[in-house]
Amino acid sequence: MFTATKQPHLLSPLTPEDLGQLQVQLPALNIFSYRGPGQSGGVASSLAPLTRQLGTKVQWIALSGVPEPDDRPIAGFSFYKPDVPEEIINRQGQAVHNYLWPLFHGIEDKIRYDAEEWKNFRQLSVMLAHQSQRIAMRSFPTLVWLHDFEMALLAPLLSMDAGVILAHFWHVPWPSPELMKKTPAGLEITEALLSNRLLGFHTEEYADNFLRTVEELIPDATVDFVNLTVKYHGRTTTVLPMPLGLDYPYWQRLARGSKLQAEALPVTHRLAHQIILGVDRIDYTKGILEKLDGVEKFLAENPDYYRRCHYVQLAQPFTPNTDFTDYLHKVRERVKAINTRFRKDSWEPIVWMEGYFDHQQLSAWYQAADVLAVTPVRDGLNLIAKEYIACRLDEQGAIVLGEKAGCASELISGAILIDSENSDTIAAGIQQALSMGVEEKRRRMVSMRHVVAWNRLHDWACGFLRQALASPR
């Protein structure tokens, strides 16, 4: 694996020279995504100060999660939901759920390719590109920022417009070239992404996998592993490892405002002295079943912790156009079995809470929990760990973190890294976290807070745009 250290300036604050260059080169920004920013704003809120300063007009086109007209507007942003029949979106979602999601997470036994579903996926991409002709703003140049794997085929369809600069940030993992080579749409997806001037990934591993995939699948392409570029059909694509930043000040404000709520949670839910927290969307890639195996192993090997701790699982609903009902049933049954096995009087080790938890509620739980367990079998990044760190104003708490979470390389100095598919290592990680002393917790947490505070969402977003404009054509 290579080490990409040649562009350390990407997350640095914008200089006056940067602003002057962006003002000339960024009159318009069009963003395409499957889901919009939602009510919390995310990338949109982080870009608002910059676009306001530059006078840039931003148009965000998304199939869902578009802010309602009466939501608080974001300065300089307009949001659009394309006029696409729901039937088309639902049919395309089958290819996303059955094929692309397990493919990019490298879970081979769940990959289900269907030619008709893939045809629907292509059809929606064509419809989005056609709709953009009516919706998206035209200027010269126009920067088009594509978000996530659902937009995989869009770049070639948009590249025909003059003056368009295409940049794509890939929020999920990129699997091994061996897997992409043997999957039916591997070549089509890889070739489509080379229509972008800039292609961003969360980690060096994903970027390296992509470059090796191009080398394996497209012999006519010239892959430069030193400069992280691909030359193909007269175009140059820069491949950039750049982990998503967090809106650090936002989560700190939430933590201050929810401190009293955090103090009340153990009383409200009658929790034991030490709390292990899991926050996961219902999805097999999040490793909930594997984590429960680790919790059971920990309880079996550490009877001294009976009645002294609780594992609280906040289980968030799966996203639209996905169906993890069978997986949810297995998880519920597993929780029931563990509670039955270890029940002592009125104490049961696992507190299962299912539903949607807003940011205010999450910030309270982050502060109440002694340990956060994040153990995906594969994850693009995982912002839960970063949110927990931002909320720990007391510089306490510990994180048990799976090695296959994308954020593991950033948080290696402070998190307890474990193998998410090995119950022994999960159990050992939990035991280590619960027995950790105050000073060691502080040392580890301070180290992780420095990392998360440095890579802020605003600098991440602005750095990506800056690199898109600076990358060779």
Protein backbone atom coordinates (compact mmCIF):
# COMPACT_ATOMS: atom_id res chain seq x y z
CA MET A 1 0.00 0.00 0.00
CA PHE A 2 1.32 3.44 -0.88
CA THR A 3 1.51 6.41 1.47
CA ALA A 4 0.00 9.54 -0.03
CA THR A 5 1.83 12.37 1.67
CA LYS A 6 2.44 14.57 -1.34
CA GLN A 7 -0.55 16.92 -0.75
CA PRO A 8 -0.63 17.79 2.96
CA HIS A 9 -2.03 21.25 2.18
CA LEU A 10 -5.46 19.98 1.11
CA LEU A 11 -7.10 20.45 4.49
CA SER A 12 -5.31 23.69 5.36
CA PRO A 13 -7.37 26.90 5.64
CA LEU A 14 -7.90 28.84 2.42
CA THR A 15 -5.42 31.65 1.81
CA PRO A 16 -6.32 34.97 0.12
CA GLU A 17 -4.63 33.64 -3.03
CA ASP A 18 -6.83 30.52 -2.90
CA LEU A 19 -9.94 32.66 -2.54
CA GLY A 20 -8.95 34.82 -5.49
CA GLN A 21 -8.41 31.78 -7.67
CA LEU A 22 -11.68 30.17 -6.60
CA GLN A 23 -13.60 33.39 -7.24
CA VAL A 24 -12.50 33.30 -10.88
CA GLN A 25 -12.88 29.54 -11.35
CA LEU A 26 -15.97 28.75 -9.27
CA PRO A 27 -18.89 30.88 -10.50
CA ALA A 28 -21.24 27.88 -10.33
CA LEU A 29 -21.27 24.53 -8.53
CA ASN A 30 -23.71 21.74 -9.32
CA ILE A 31 -23.95 18.85 -6.84
CA PHE A 32 -25.56 15.50 -7.68
CA SER A 33 -26.33 12.92 -5.01
CA TYR A 34 -28.76 10.13 -4.27
CA ARG A 35 -29.68 11.73 -0.93
CA GLY A 36 -29.65 15.45 -0.22
CA PRO A 37 -28.12 17.13 2.83
CA GLY A 38 -31.25 16.72 4.97
CA GLN A 39 -32.16 19.18 7.68
CA SER A 40 -28.74 19.27 9.35
CA GLY A 41 -27.06 20.64 6.22
CA GLY A 42 -23.77 18.73 6.37
CA VAL A 43 -21.65 19.55 3.33
CA ALA A 44 -24.08 22.31 2.32
CA SER A 45 -23.71 24.15 5.64
CA SER A 46 -19.94 23.74 5.54
CA LEU A 47 -19.73 25.30 2.07
CA ALA A 48 -22.17 28.15 2.75
CA PRO A 49 -19.58 30.63 4.17
CA LEU A 50 -17.27 30.05 1.19
CA THR A 51 -19.97 30.31 -1.47
CA ARG A 52 -21.38 33.41 0.20
CA GLN A 53 -17.93 35.03 0.19
CA LEU A 54 -17.29 34.11 -3.45
CA GLY A 55 -20.80 34.75 -4.72
CA THR A 56 -20.96 31.17 -6.04
CA LYS A 57 -24.39 29.81 -6.89
CA VAL A 58 -24.89 26.18 -5.86
CA GLN A 59 -27.59 23.90 -7.22
CA TRP A 60 -28.03 20.54 -5.48
CA ILE A 61 -29.92 17.82 -7.34
CA ALA A 62 -30.93 14.77 -5.27
CA LEU A 63 -33.52 12.00 -5.43
CA SER A 64 -34.35 12.20 -1.71
CA GLY A 65 -33.53 14.21 1.41
CA VAL A 66 -34.11 17.54 -0.33
CA PRO A 67 -34.97 20.28 2.20
CA GLU A 68 -38.61 21.33 2.31
CA PRO A 69 -39.50 24.87 1.16
CA ASP A 70 -40.25 25.97 4.73
CA ASP A 71 -36.91 24.64 6.08
CA ARG A 72 -34.31 27.23 7.01
CA PRO A 73 -32.64 28.19 3.70
CA ILE A 74 -28.90 27.83 3.15
CA ALA A 75 -27.44 31.00 1.62
CA GLY A 76 -26.56 30.58 -2.05
CA PHE A 77 -28.05 27.07 -2.34
CA SER A 78 -30.98 25.88 -4.41
CA PHE A 79 -32.24 22.31 -4.06
CA TYR A 80 -34.06 20.25 -6.66
CA LYS A 81 -35.65 16.82 -6.80
CA PRO A 82 -35.64 15.59 -10.41
CA ASP A 83 -38.95 14.69 -12.00
CA VAL A 84 -38.33 10.94 -12.08
CA PRO A 85 -41.13 8.39 -11.53
CA GLU A 86 -40.92 6.64 -8.16
CA GLU A 87 -41.25 3.30 -9.97
CA ILE A 88 -37.96 3.96 -11.79
CA ILE A 89 -36.24 4.96 -8.55
CA ASN A 90 -37.49 1.84 -6.77
CA ARG A 91 -36.39 -0.47 -9.60
CA GLN A 92 -32.96 1.17 -9.67
CA GLY A 93 -32.79 0.72 -5.90
CA GLN A 94 -32.90 -3.05 -6.37
CA ALA A 95 -29.56 -2.95 -8.21
CA VAL A 96 -28.14 -0.72 -5.47
CA HIS A 97 -29.30 -3.02 -2.67
CA ASN A 98 -28.74 -6.44 -4.25
CA TYR A 99 -25.62 -5.77 -6.28
CA LEU A 100 -23.67 -2.58 -5.67
CA TRP A 101 -23.85 -2.38 -1.86
CA PRO A 102 -22.39 -5.85 -1.17
CA LEU A 103 -20.01 -5.52 -4.15
CA PHE A 104 -18.29 -2.37 -2.91
CA HIS A 105 -18.15 -3.67 0.65
CA GLY A 106 -16.51 -6.85 -0.63
CA ILE A 107 -19.15 -9.21 0.77
CA GLU A 108 -19.19 -11.76 -2.05
CA ASP A 109 -21.79 -14.18 -0.72
CA LYS A 110 -24.46 -11.44 -0.81
CA ILE A 111 -23.76 -10.08 -4.31
CA ARG A 112 -26.77 -10.63 -6.59
CA TYR A 113 -26.38 -9.32 -10.14
CA ASP A 114 -29.49 -9.13 -12.31
CA ALA A 115 -29.24 -7.83 -15.88
CA GLU A 116 -32.71 -6.25 -15.80
CA GLU A 117 -32.00 -4.47 -12.50
CA TRP A 118 -28.73 -3.17 -13.91
CA LYS A 119 -30.58 -1.91 -16.99
CA ASN A 120 -32.84 0.08 -14.63
CA PHE A 121 -29.78 1.50 -12.88
CA ARG A 122 -28.44 2.71 -16.24
CA GLN A 123 -31.83 4.14 -17.18
CA LEU A 124 -32.03 6.29 -14.06
CA SER A 125 -28.52 7.63 -14.71
CA VAL A 126 -29.59 8.69 -18.22
CA MET A 127 -32.73 10.34 -16.85
CA LEU A 128 -30.73 12.27 -14.24
CA ALA A 129 -28.33 13.51 -16.89
CA HIS A 130 -31.26 14.58 -19.09
CA GLN A 131 -32.95 16.35 -16.16
CA SER A 132 -29.74 18.22 -15.40
CA GLN A 133 -29.99 19.97 -18.76
CA ARG A 134 -33.18 21.60 -17.51
CA ILE A 135 -32.27 22.14 -13.85
CA ALA A 136 -28.53 22.70 -13.51
CA MET A 137 -26.95 26.11 -13.90
CA ARG A 138 -24.62 26.78 -16.81
CA SER A 139 -21.50 28.90 -16.55
CA PHE A 140 -17.96 28.66 -17.82
CA PRO A 141 -16.50 26.76 -16.17
CA THR A 142 -19.04 24.76 -14.14
CA LEU A 143 -17.81 22.42 -11.43
CA VAL A 144 -20.01 19.32 -11.05
CA TRP A 145 -19.53 17.42 -7.79
CA LEU A 146 -20.94 13.88 -7.75
CA HIS A 147 -21.51 12.12 -4.43
CA ASP A 148 -21.34 8.39 -3.76
CA PHE A 149 -21.67 5.15 -5.67
CA GLU A 150 -25.27 5.66 -6.85
CA MET A 151 -23.88 8.29 -9.25
CA ALA A 152 -21.32 5.82 -10.66
CA LEU A 153 -22.44 6.06 -14.31
CA LEU A 154 -23.25 9.77 -14.42
CA ALA A 155 -19.86 11.29 -15.27
CA PRO A 156 -19.66 10.13 -18.94
CA LEU A 157 -23.18 11.42 -19.53
CA LEU A 158 -22.32 14.89 -18.18
CA SER A 159 -18.82 15.15 -19.64
CA MET A 160 -20.10 16.05 -23.11
CA ASP A 161 -21.06 19.57 -21.99
CA ALA A 162 -18.41 22.21 -22.70
CA GLY A 163 -16.69 23.76 -19.71
CA VAL A 164 -17.77 21.06 -17.24
CA ILE A 165 -15.26 19.98 -14.60
CA LEU A 166 -16.32 16.67 -13.05
CA ALA A 167 -15.32 15.56 -9.55
CA HIS A 168 -16.67 12.51 -7.75
CA PHE A 169 -16.33 11.64 -4.08
CA TRP A 170 -16.80 7.93 -3.40
CA HIS A 171 -18.18 7.50 0.14
CA VAL A 172 -18.08 3.69 0.31
CA PRO A 173 -15.09 1.32 0.08
CA TRP A 174 -13.57 0.25 -3.21
CA PRO A 175 -12.99 -3.53 -3.24
CA SER A 176 -10.09 -5.57 -4.56
CA PRO A 177 -9.31 -5.55 -8.30
CA GLU A 178 -9.83 -9.32 -8.31
CA LEU A 179 -13.46 -8.88 -7.27
CA MET A 180 -14.09 -6.01 -9.71
CA LYS A 181 -12.57 -8.03 -12.54
CA LYS A 182 -14.96 -10.95 -12.13
CA THR A 183 -18.14 -8.97 -11.52
CA PRO A 184 -20.32 -8.26 -14.61
CA ALA A 185 -20.41 -4.44 -14.38
CA GLY A 186 -16.89 -3.97 -13.01
CA LEU A 187 -15.38 -2.66 -16.23
CA GLU A 188 -18.35 -0.40 -17.01
CA ILE A 189 -18.23 1.27 -13.59
CA THR A 190 -14.46 1.68 -13.54
CA GLU A 191 -14.34 3.15 -17.03
CA ALA A 192 -17.21 5.55 -16.25
CA LEU A 193 -15.38 6.97 -13.23
CA LEU A 194 -12.41 7.89 -15.44
CA SER A 195 -14.54 10.65 -16.99
CA ASN A 196 -13.95 12.60 -13.76
CA ARG A 197 -11.05 15.01 -13.39
CA LEU A 198 -10.89 14.19 -9.68
CA LEU A 199 -11.97 11.02 -7.86
CA GLY A 200 -11.87 11.05 -4.06
CA PHE A 201 -11.82 8.17 -1.54
CA HIS A 202 -11.81 8.06 2.26
CA THR A 203 -8.63 6.01 2.62
CA GLU A 204 -5.36 5.21 0.88
CA GLU A 205 -6.42 1.56 0.71
CA TYR A 206 -9.55 2.36 -1.35
CA ALA A 207 -7.58 4.67 -3.66
CA ASP A 208 -4.91 2.02 -4.15
CA ASN A 209 -7.58 -0.61 -4.89
CA PHE A 210 -9.09 1.65 -7.53
CA LEU A 211 -5.75 2.33 -9.24
CA ARG A 212 -4.94 -1.39 -9.27
CA THR A 213 -8.44 -2.09 -10.66
CA VAL A 214 -7.82 0.31 -13.54
CA GLU A 215 -4.45 -1.32 -14.22
CA GLU A 216 -6.08 -4.76 -14.24
CA LEU A 217 -9.27 -4.00 -16.22
CA ILE A 218 -8.17 -1.27 -18.65
CA PRO A 219 -4.79 -2.07 -20.24
CA ASP A 220 -4.96 1.07 -22.42
CA ALA A 221 -4.95 3.33 -19.34
CA THR A 222 -1.69 4.71 -17.94
CA VAL A 223 -1.66 4.40 -14.15
CA ASP A 224 0.82 6.51 -12.18
CA PHE A 225 1.02 5.18 -8.62
CA VAL A 226 3.43 7.93 -7.56
CA ASN A 227 1.38 10.94 -8.66
CA LEU A 228 -1.94 9.09 -8.18
CA THR A 229 -3.23 9.76 -11.69
CA VAL A 230 -4.75 7.80 -14.55
CA LYS A 231 -4.49 8.88 -18.19
CA TYR A 232 -7.13 7.44 -20.48
CA HIS A 233 -8.57 8.60 -23.81
CA GLY A 234 -6.83 11.96 -23.58
CA ARG A 235 -8.11 12.72 -20.06
CA THR A 236 -6.29 12.70 -16.73
CA THR A 237 -8.04 11.59 -13.55
CA THR A 238 -6.44 12.40 -10.21
CA VAL A 239 -7.21 9.89 -7.45
CA LEU A 240 -7.23 11.49 -4.03
CA PRO A 241 -7.29 9.79 -0.59
CA MET A 242 -9.10 12.30 1.63
CA PRO A 243 -11.18 11.12 4.62
CA LEU A 244 -14.42 12.98 5.22
CA GLY A 245 -14.19 15.62 7.91
CA LEU A 246 -16.65 16.30 10.73
CA ASP A 247 -18.47 19.52 11.59
CA TYR A 248 -16.56 19.63 14.87
CA PRO A 249 -17.94 22.94 16.28
CA TYR A 250 -21.51 21.76 15.58
CA TRP A 251 -21.08 18.58 17.65
CA GLN A 252 -19.35 20.49 20.43
CA ARG A 253 -22.31 22.87 20.64
CA LEU A 254 -24.68 19.90 20.78
CA ALA A 255 -22.64 18.34 23.58
CA ARG A 256 -22.78 21.49 25.68
CA GLY A 257 -26.53 21.76 25.15
CA SER A 258 -27.24 18.11 26.00
CA LYS A 259 -25.04 17.73 29.08
CA LEU A 260 -27.97 17.63 31.52
CA GLN A 261 -29.80 15.16 29.28
CA ALA A 262 -26.69 12.95 29.28
CA GLU A 263 -26.54 12.96 33.07
CA ALA A 264 -30.21 11.91 33.24
CA LEU A 265 -29.99 8.98 30.81
CA PRO A 266 -28.60 6.38 33.27
CA VAL A 267 -31.37 7.21 35.74
CA THR A 268 -34.13 7.30 33.12
CA HIS A 269 -33.18 3.89 31.69
CA ARG A 270 -32.03 2.36 35.01
CA LEU A 271 -28.57 1.63 33.69
CA ALA A 272 -25.61 0.16 35.53
CA HIS A 273 -22.46 2.03 36.52
CA GLN A 274 -20.65 1.49 33.18
CA ILE A 275 -22.26 1.85 29.76
CA ILE A 276 -21.05 0.34 26.49
CA LEU A 277 -22.76 2.02 23.54
CA GLY A 278 -23.42 0.83 20.01
CA VAL A 279 -24.95 3.15 17.40
CA ASP A 280 -25.63 1.39 14.12
CA ARG A 281 -27.96 1.46 11.18
CA ILE A 282 -29.61 -1.94 10.61
CA ASP A 283 -27.29 -3.28 7.92
CA TYR A 284 -25.13 -6.41 7.75
CA THR A 285 -22.04 -4.33 6.88
CA LYS A 286 -22.23 -2.71 10.35
CA GLY A 287 -21.37 -6.03 12.04
CA ILE A 288 -24.11 -5.92 14.70
CA LEU A 289 -24.39 -9.71 14.96
CA GLU A 290 -20.62 -10.06 15.21
CA LYS A 291 -20.55 -7.38 17.91
CA LEU A 292 -23.23 -9.21 19.88
CA ASP A 293 -21.08 -12.34 19.68
CA GLY A 294 -18.26 -10.31 21.22
CA VAL A 295 -20.53 -8.97 23.97
CA GLU A 296 -21.64 -12.50 24.80
CA LYS A 297 -18.02 -13.67 24.90
CA PHE A 298 -17.13 -10.77 27.21
CA LEU A 299 -19.98 -11.59 29.59
CA ALA A 300 -19.10 -15.28 29.66
CA GLU A 301 -15.47 -14.55 30.51
CA ASN A 302 -16.05 -11.67 32.95
CA PRO A 303 -18.78 -12.57 35.45
CA ASP A 304 -17.50 -9.79 37.74
CA TYR A 305 -19.15 -7.30 35.39
CA TYR A 306 -22.65 -8.70 35.92
CA ARG A 307 -24.91 -5.85 37.09
CA ARG A 308 -21.94 -3.47 36.76
CA CYS A 309 -22.42 -2.69 33.07
CA HIS A 310 -24.98 -2.50 30.29
CA TYR A 311 -24.56 -2.71 26.55
CA VAL A 312 -26.95 -0.18 24.97
CA GLN A 313 -27.65 -0.67 21.27
CA LEU A 314 -29.24 2.24 19.41
CA ALA A 315 -30.54 0.59 16.25
CA GLN A 316 -31.43 3.06 13.51
CA PRO A 317 -33.76 2.10 10.61
CA PHE A 318 -32.30 0.94 7.33
CA THR A 319 -32.34 3.43 4.48
CA PRO A 320 -35.09 3.65 1.81
CA ASN A 321 -34.89 1.19 -1.10
CA THR A 322 -33.16 -1.36 1.12
CA ASP A 323 -34.58 -4.31 2.98
CA PHE A 324 -32.69 -5.75 5.91
CA THR A 325 -35.79 -7.21 7.56
CA ASP A 326 -34.31 -10.71 7.82
CA TYR A 327 -31.13 -9.31 9.32
CA LEU A 328 -33.12 -7.25 11.83
CA HIS A 329 -35.03 -10.38 12.88
CA LYS A 330 -31.76 -12.27 13.47
CA VAL A 331 -30.36 -9.39 15.54
CA ARG A 332 -33.48 -9.18 17.71
CA GLU A 333 -33.39 -12.92 18.34
CA ARG A 334 -29.71 -12.74 19.23
CA VAL A 335 -30.34 -9.96 21.76
CA LYS A 336 -33.17 -11.97 23.31
CA ALA A 337 -30.99 -15.09 23.60
CA ILE A 338 -28.10 -13.23 25.28
CA ASN A 339 -30.41 -11.50 27.74
CA THR A 340 -32.05 -14.81 28.59
CA ARG A 341 -28.68 -16.48 29.17
CA PHE A 342 -27.20 -13.83 31.45
CA ARG A 343 -30.29 -12.42 33.18
CA LYS A 344 -29.83 -11.88 36.94
CA ASP A 345 -32.97 -10.90 38.80
CA SER A 346 -34.13 -7.70 37.04
CA TRP A 347 -30.78 -7.09 35.29
CA GLU A 348 -30.38 -7.90 31.62
CA PRO A 349 -27.07 -7.00 29.98
CA ILE A 350 -28.39 -5.60 26.67
CA VAL A 351 -30.69 -2.61 26.35
CA TRP A 352 -32.12 -2.62 22.83
CA MET A 353 -33.48 0.72 21.55
CA GLU A 354 -34.84 0.81 18.04
CA GLY A 355 -35.82 3.90 16.07
CA TYR A 356 -34.53 7.20 14.78
CA PHE A 357 -32.26 9.21 17.11
CA ASP A 358 -31.62 12.85 16.27
CA HIS A 359 -28.28 14.55 16.78
CA GLN A 360 -29.29 16.04 20.12
CA GLN A 361 -30.18 12.60 21.48
CA LEU A 362 -27.00 11.07 20.09
CA SER A 363 -24.81 13.75 21.64
CA ALA A 364 -26.35 12.94 25.04
CA TRP A 365 -25.71 9.21 24.65
CA TYR A 366 -22.13 9.86 23.51
CA GLN A 367 -21.46 11.72 26.75
CA ALA A 368 -23.22 9.14 28.94
CA ALA A 369 -21.33 6.14 27.51
CA ASP A 370 -18.04 4.97 29.00
CA VAL A 371 -17.23 2.97 25.86
CA LEU A 372 -18.30 3.26 22.22
CA ALA A 373 -18.13 0.00 20.23
CA VAL A 374 -17.89 0.55 16.46
CA THR A 375 -17.27 -2.82 14.80
CA PRO A 376 -18.32 -2.88 11.12
CA VAL A 377 -17.26 -5.80 8.98
CA ARG A 378 -16.60 -3.15 6.32
CA ASP A 379 -17.36 0.57 6.35
CA GLY A 380 -16.51 3.46 4.08
CA LEU A 381 -15.54 5.74 6.97
CA ASN A 382 -17.94 5.69 9.97
CA LEU A 383 -18.66 9.13 11.38
CA ILE A 384 -20.15 7.71 14.61
CA ALA A 385 -16.67 7.35 16.11
CA LYS A 386 -15.79 10.94 15.16
CA GLU A 387 -19.05 12.29 16.59
CA TYR A 388 -18.37 10.51 19.89
CA ILE A 389 -14.90 12.07 20.05
CA ALA A 390 -16.20 15.57 19.30
CA CYS A 391 -18.80 15.28 22.07
CA ARG A 392 -16.32 14.18 24.76
CA LEU A 393 -15.60 17.62 26.16
CA ASP A 394 -14.49 15.87 29.37
CA GLU A 395 -11.69 14.09 27.44
CA GLN A 396 -12.91 10.75 28.78
CA GLY A 397 -14.49 7.71 27.18
CA ALA A 398 -12.92 4.95 25.09
CA ILE A 399 -13.52 3.55 21.61
CA VAL A 400 -13.40 -0.11 20.57
CA LEU A 401 -12.97 0.21 16.81
CA GLY A 402 -12.99 -2.37 14.03
CA GLU A 403 -9.90 -2.38 11.82
CA LYS A 404 -12.09 -2.36 8.70
CA ALA A 405 -13.81 0.91 9.56
CA GLY A 406 -12.49 3.57 7.20
CA CYS A 407 -11.70 5.91 10.10
CA ALA A 408 -9.42 3.34 11.80
CA SER A 409 -6.27 4.71 10.16
CA GLU A 410 -7.09 8.22 11.44
CA LEU A 411 -7.87 7.11 15.00
CA ILE A 412 -5.13 4.52 15.42
CA SER A 413 -3.38 6.60 18.12
CA GLY A 414 -6.29 6.44 20.54
CA ALA A 415 -8.82 3.74 19.67
CA ILE A 416 -8.60 0.09 20.70
CA LEU A 417 -8.43 -1.63 17.32
CA ILE A 418 -10.00 -5.07 16.97
CA ASP A 419 -10.95 -7.63 14.33
CA SER A 420 -14.71 -7.16 13.93
CA GLU A 421 -15.24 -10.75 12.83
CA ASN A 422 -13.44 -12.25 15.83
CA SER A 423 -15.50 -12.39 19.02
CA ASP A 424 -12.40 -12.98 21.14
CA THR A 425 -10.81 -9.68 20.08
CA ILE A 426 -14.09 -7.78 20.54
CA ALA A 427 -14.48 -9.21 24.06
CA ALA A 428 -10.87 -8.36 24.90
CA GLY A 429 -11.33 -4.84 23.54
CA ILE A 430 -14.42 -4.25 25.67
CA GLN A 431 -12.66 -5.55 28.78
CA GLN A 432 -9.65 -3.30 28.10
CA ALA A 433 -11.85 -0.25 27.56
CA LEU A 434 -13.93 -0.79 30.71
CA SER A 435 -10.84 -1.25 32.89
CA MET A 436 -8.89 1.66 31.44
CA GLY A 437 -7.68 4.31 33.89
CA VAL A 438 -8.66 7.98 33.78
CA GLU A 439 -5.27 9.23 32.62
CA GLU A 440 -4.96 6.67 29.82
CA LYS A 441 -8.46 7.55 28.63
CA ARG A 442 -7.52 11.22 28.61
CA ARG A 443 -4.28 10.60 26.71
CA ARG A 444 -6.02 8.55 24.05
CA MET A 445 -9.02 10.87 23.75
CA VAL A 446 -6.92 14.03 23.50
CA SER A 447 -4.93 12.43 20.69
CA MET A 448 -8.10 11.52 18.76
CA ARG A 449 -9.69 14.92 19.41
CA HIS A 450 -6.69 16.61 17.83
CA VAL A 451 -7.14 14.50 14.69
CA VAL A 452 -10.89 15.07 14.42
CA ALA A 453 -10.64 18.79 15.20
CA TRP A 454 -7.98 19.21 12.51
CA ASN A 455 -9.95 17.51 9.72
CA ARG A 456 -13.09 19.64 9.80
CA LEU A 457 -15.90 19.31 7.30
CA HIS A 458 -15.47 22.85 5.96
CA ASP A 459 -11.78 22.37 5.21
CA TRP A 460 -12.48 18.92 3.73
CA ALA A 461 -15.13 20.26 1.34
CA CYS A 462 -13.16 23.35 0.34
CA GLY A 463 -9.99 21.32 -0.08
CA PHE A 464 -11.76 18.90 -2.39
CA LEU A 465 -13.12 21.73 -4.57
CA ARG A 466 -9.72 23.40 -4.65
CA GLN A 467 -8.07 20.16 -5.78
CA ALA A 468 -10.75 19.55 -8.43
CA LEU A 469 -9.99 22.91 -10.02
CA ALA A 470 -6.21 22.46 -9.74
CA SER A 471 -6.01 18.89 -11.09
CA PRO A 472 -4.61 18.40 -14.62
CA ARG A 473 -7.11 18.01 -17.42
